[in-house]
Amino acid sequence: MDLLQPLNLPPYPFRLNEEEGRLYIFDELRKKKLLLTPEEWVRQHFVQYLITEKGYPKMLIKLEGGLRVNHMPRRTDIVIHNRNGEKILLVECKAPGVTITQKVFDQVARYNTVHQVPLMAVSNGLQHYYCKINVSSKTYTFIEDLPAYQATV
């Protein structure tokens, strides 16, 4: 699969470089270069989409944070906080070749038992799904579009 596959997200001028036959992308938030995988390509695009199109502040975005689910270590792709430090959005990114199935939603729902966020997004870069979460009733409702940051505060 082409690592630089066009996605259903706006293009961004990423800093890419090749070393010893491997392609790297510079992560602006973590301030380091990362091996470019199809999933990382989606994650970096989605982060830029959140910042530039939806107005989510860079300083409130946490990438690949650790958590424990059923005593097992896991990593969430993107978690966004509000200015009070409360988690407001959980994003799960998959490679473009990965079909978004119920299994993927179940994975994110398990993560959300820890995070307890009111908004969730799942994307493979080609398809994006957004949900409002009712944490107390453990239900979710699909929504058409992800709200801008200002609408969440």
Protein backbone atom coordinates (compact mmCIF):
# COMPACT_ATOMS: atom_id res chain seq x y z
CA MET A 1 0.00 0.00 0.00
CA ASP A 2 1.16 3.48 -0.81
CA LEU A 3 2.18 5.22 2.42
CA LEU A 4 1.24 8.61 0.98
CA GLN A 5 -2.22 7.51 -0.12
CA PRO A 6 -4.64 10.42 -0.62
CA LEU A 7 -7.15 10.51 2.21
CA ASN A 8 -10.63 11.93 2.67
CA LEU A 9 -9.10 14.73 4.75
CA PRO A 10 -7.56 18.03 3.63
CA PRO A 11 -3.90 17.74 2.55
CA TYR A 12 -1.26 19.28 4.79
CA PRO A 13 2.39 20.24 4.14
CA PHE A 14 3.94 17.55 6.33
CA ARG A 15 7.69 17.41 6.86
CA LEU A 16 8.72 14.06 5.43
CA ASN A 17 12.18 12.62 5.04
CA GLU A 18 13.67 9.33 3.99
CA GLU A 19 16.46 7.59 5.88
CA GLU A 20 17.93 4.24 4.91
CA GLY A 21 14.95 3.47 2.69
CA ARG A 22 12.37 4.26 5.37
CA LEU A 23 10.01 7.24 5.30
CA TYR A 24 9.54 9.43 8.40
CA ILE A 25 7.03 12.15 9.25
CA PHE A 26 7.65 14.96 11.72
CA ASP A 27 5.03 15.04 14.48
CA GLU A 28 4.47 18.72 15.37
CA LEU A 29 2.86 17.94 18.71
CA ARG A 30 5.44 15.49 20.02
CA LYS A 31 8.28 17.38 18.31
CA LYS A 32 9.90 14.27 16.85
CA LYS A 33 10.07 12.28 13.67
CA LEU A 34 8.09 9.05 13.51
CA LEU A 35 8.27 6.11 11.16
CA LEU A 36 5.53 6.66 8.63
CA THR A 37 3.03 3.83 8.70
CA PRO A 38 -0.41 3.90 7.09
CA GLU A 39 -1.99 4.41 10.53
CA GLU A 40 0.43 7.25 11.37
CA TRP A 41 -0.44 8.90 8.03
CA VAL A 42 -4.11 8.89 9.09
CA ARG A 43 -3.34 10.04 12.66
CA GLN A 44 -1.23 13.00 11.48
CA HIS A 45 -3.88 14.06 8.96
CA PHE A 46 -6.64 13.79 11.54
CA VAL A 47 -4.69 15.84 14.07
CA GLN A 48 -4.15 18.59 11.51
CA TYR A 49 -7.84 18.44 10.58
CA LEU A 50 -8.77 18.90 14.25
CA ILE A 51 -6.41 21.87 14.61
CA THR A 52 -6.93 23.71 11.33
CA GLU A 53 -10.54 22.89 10.42
CA LYS A 54 -12.18 22.37 13.83
CA GLY A 55 -10.15 24.76 16.01
CA TYR A 56 -8.96 22.28 18.65
CA PRO A 57 -5.95 23.83 20.45
CA LYS A 58 -2.66 21.96 19.95
CA MET A 59 -1.82 22.16 23.65
CA LEU A 60 -4.99 20.23 24.58
CA ILE A 61 -4.29 17.26 22.26
CA LYS A 62 -2.57 14.14 23.59
CA LEU A 63 -1.33 11.49 21.17
CA GLU A 64 -0.87 7.81 21.87
CA GLY A 65 -1.57 7.99 25.56
CA GLY A 66 -1.38 4.84 27.63
CA LEU A 67 -4.25 3.33 29.55
CA ARG A 68 -5.23 0.01 31.06
CA VAL A 69 -8.29 -1.93 29.93
CA ASN A 70 -9.02 -5.16 31.82
CA HIS A 71 -5.52 -4.97 33.33
CA MET A 72 -3.97 -4.90 29.83
CA PRO A 73 -1.88 -1.96 28.58
CA ARG A 74 -3.41 -0.15 25.60
CA ARG A 75 -2.81 3.08 23.70
CA THR A 76 -5.37 5.62 22.57
CA ASP A 77 -4.57 7.43 19.34
CA ILE A 78 -5.88 10.90 20.19
CA VAL A 79 -7.47 12.31 23.34
CA ILE A 80 -8.50 15.94 23.54
CA HIS A 81 -9.12 17.88 26.74
CA ASN A 82 -10.94 21.11 27.39
CA ARG A 83 -9.25 24.01 29.18
CA ASN A 84 -10.35 22.57 32.55
CA GLY A 85 -8.41 19.37 31.85
CA GLU A 86 -11.52 17.26 31.23
CA LYS A 87 -11.37 14.76 28.38
CA ILE A 88 -13.87 15.72 25.69
CA LEU A 89 -12.95 13.73 22.57
CA LEU A 90 -11.48 10.30 21.89
CA VAL A 91 -10.27 9.49 18.37
CA GLU A 92 -9.29 6.06 17.09
CA CYS A 93 -7.31 5.96 13.85
CA LYS A 94 -6.90 2.95 11.61
CA ALA A 95 -4.90 2.44 8.44
CA PRO A 96 -6.82 3.16 5.21
CA GLY A 97 -6.86 -0.56 4.41
CA VAL A 98 -8.65 -1.38 7.67
CA THR A 99 -12.43 -1.57 7.38
CA ILE A 100 -14.25 0.16 10.20
CA THR A 101 -16.41 -2.53 11.75
CA GLN A 102 -18.35 -3.09 14.95
CA LYS A 103 -15.16 -4.60 16.36
CA VAL A 104 -13.42 -1.22 15.97
CA PHE A 105 -16.29 0.57 17.73
CA ASP A 106 -16.17 -2.04 20.50
CA GLN A 107 -12.44 -1.34 20.94
CA VAL A 108 -13.05 2.40 21.31
CA ALA A 109 -15.98 1.78 23.65
CA ARG A 110 -13.68 -0.28 25.89
CA TYR A 111 -11.18 2.59 25.90
CA ASN A 112 -13.97 4.96 26.79
CA THR A 113 -14.83 2.95 29.91
CA VAL A 114 -11.55 4.45 31.16
CA HIS A 115 -11.67 7.90 29.52
CA GLN A 116 -15.43 8.63 29.83
CA VAL A 117 -15.51 11.22 27.03
CA PRO A 118 -18.71 12.70 25.57
CA LEU A 119 -17.48 12.61 21.93
CA MET A 120 -15.82 9.89 19.89
CA ALA A 121 -14.43 9.70 16.36
CA VAL A 122 -13.22 6.72 14.38
CA SER A 123 -11.38 7.15 11.08
CA ASN A 124 -9.37 5.16 8.59
CA GLY A 125 -8.66 8.36 6.66
CA LEU A 126 -11.25 7.47 4.05
CA GLN A 127 -14.32 7.04 6.24
CA HIS A 128 -15.02 8.94 9.45
CA TYR A 129 -17.64 8.19 12.07
CA TYR A 130 -18.59 10.52 14.89
CA CYS A 131 -20.62 9.72 18.00
CA LYS A 132 -22.01 11.50 21.02
CA ILE A 133 -21.58 9.34 24.08
CA ASN A 134 -23.96 9.15 27.01
CA VAL A 135 -21.52 7.88 29.61
CA SER A 136 -24.12 7.22 32.31
CA SER A 137 -26.38 5.07 30.08
CA LYS A 138 -23.41 3.62 28.14
CA THR A 139 -25.02 4.44 24.80
CA TYR A 140 -23.91 6.39 21.75
CA THR A 141 -25.61 8.21 18.92
CA PHE A 142 -24.00 8.78 15.53
CA ILE A 143 -23.73 12.41 14.49
CA GLU A 144 -23.18 13.85 11.02
CA ASP A 145 -20.06 15.88 11.75
CA LEU A 146 -17.58 16.49 14.51
CA PRO A 147 -18.35 19.71 16.38
CA ALA A 148 -15.79 22.49 16.34
CA TYR A 149 -13.87 22.99 19.58
CA GLN A 150 -15.84 26.15 20.44
CA ALA A 151 -19.10 24.15 20.35
CA THR A 152 -17.74 21.72 22.96
CA VAL A 153 -16.82 24.31 25.60
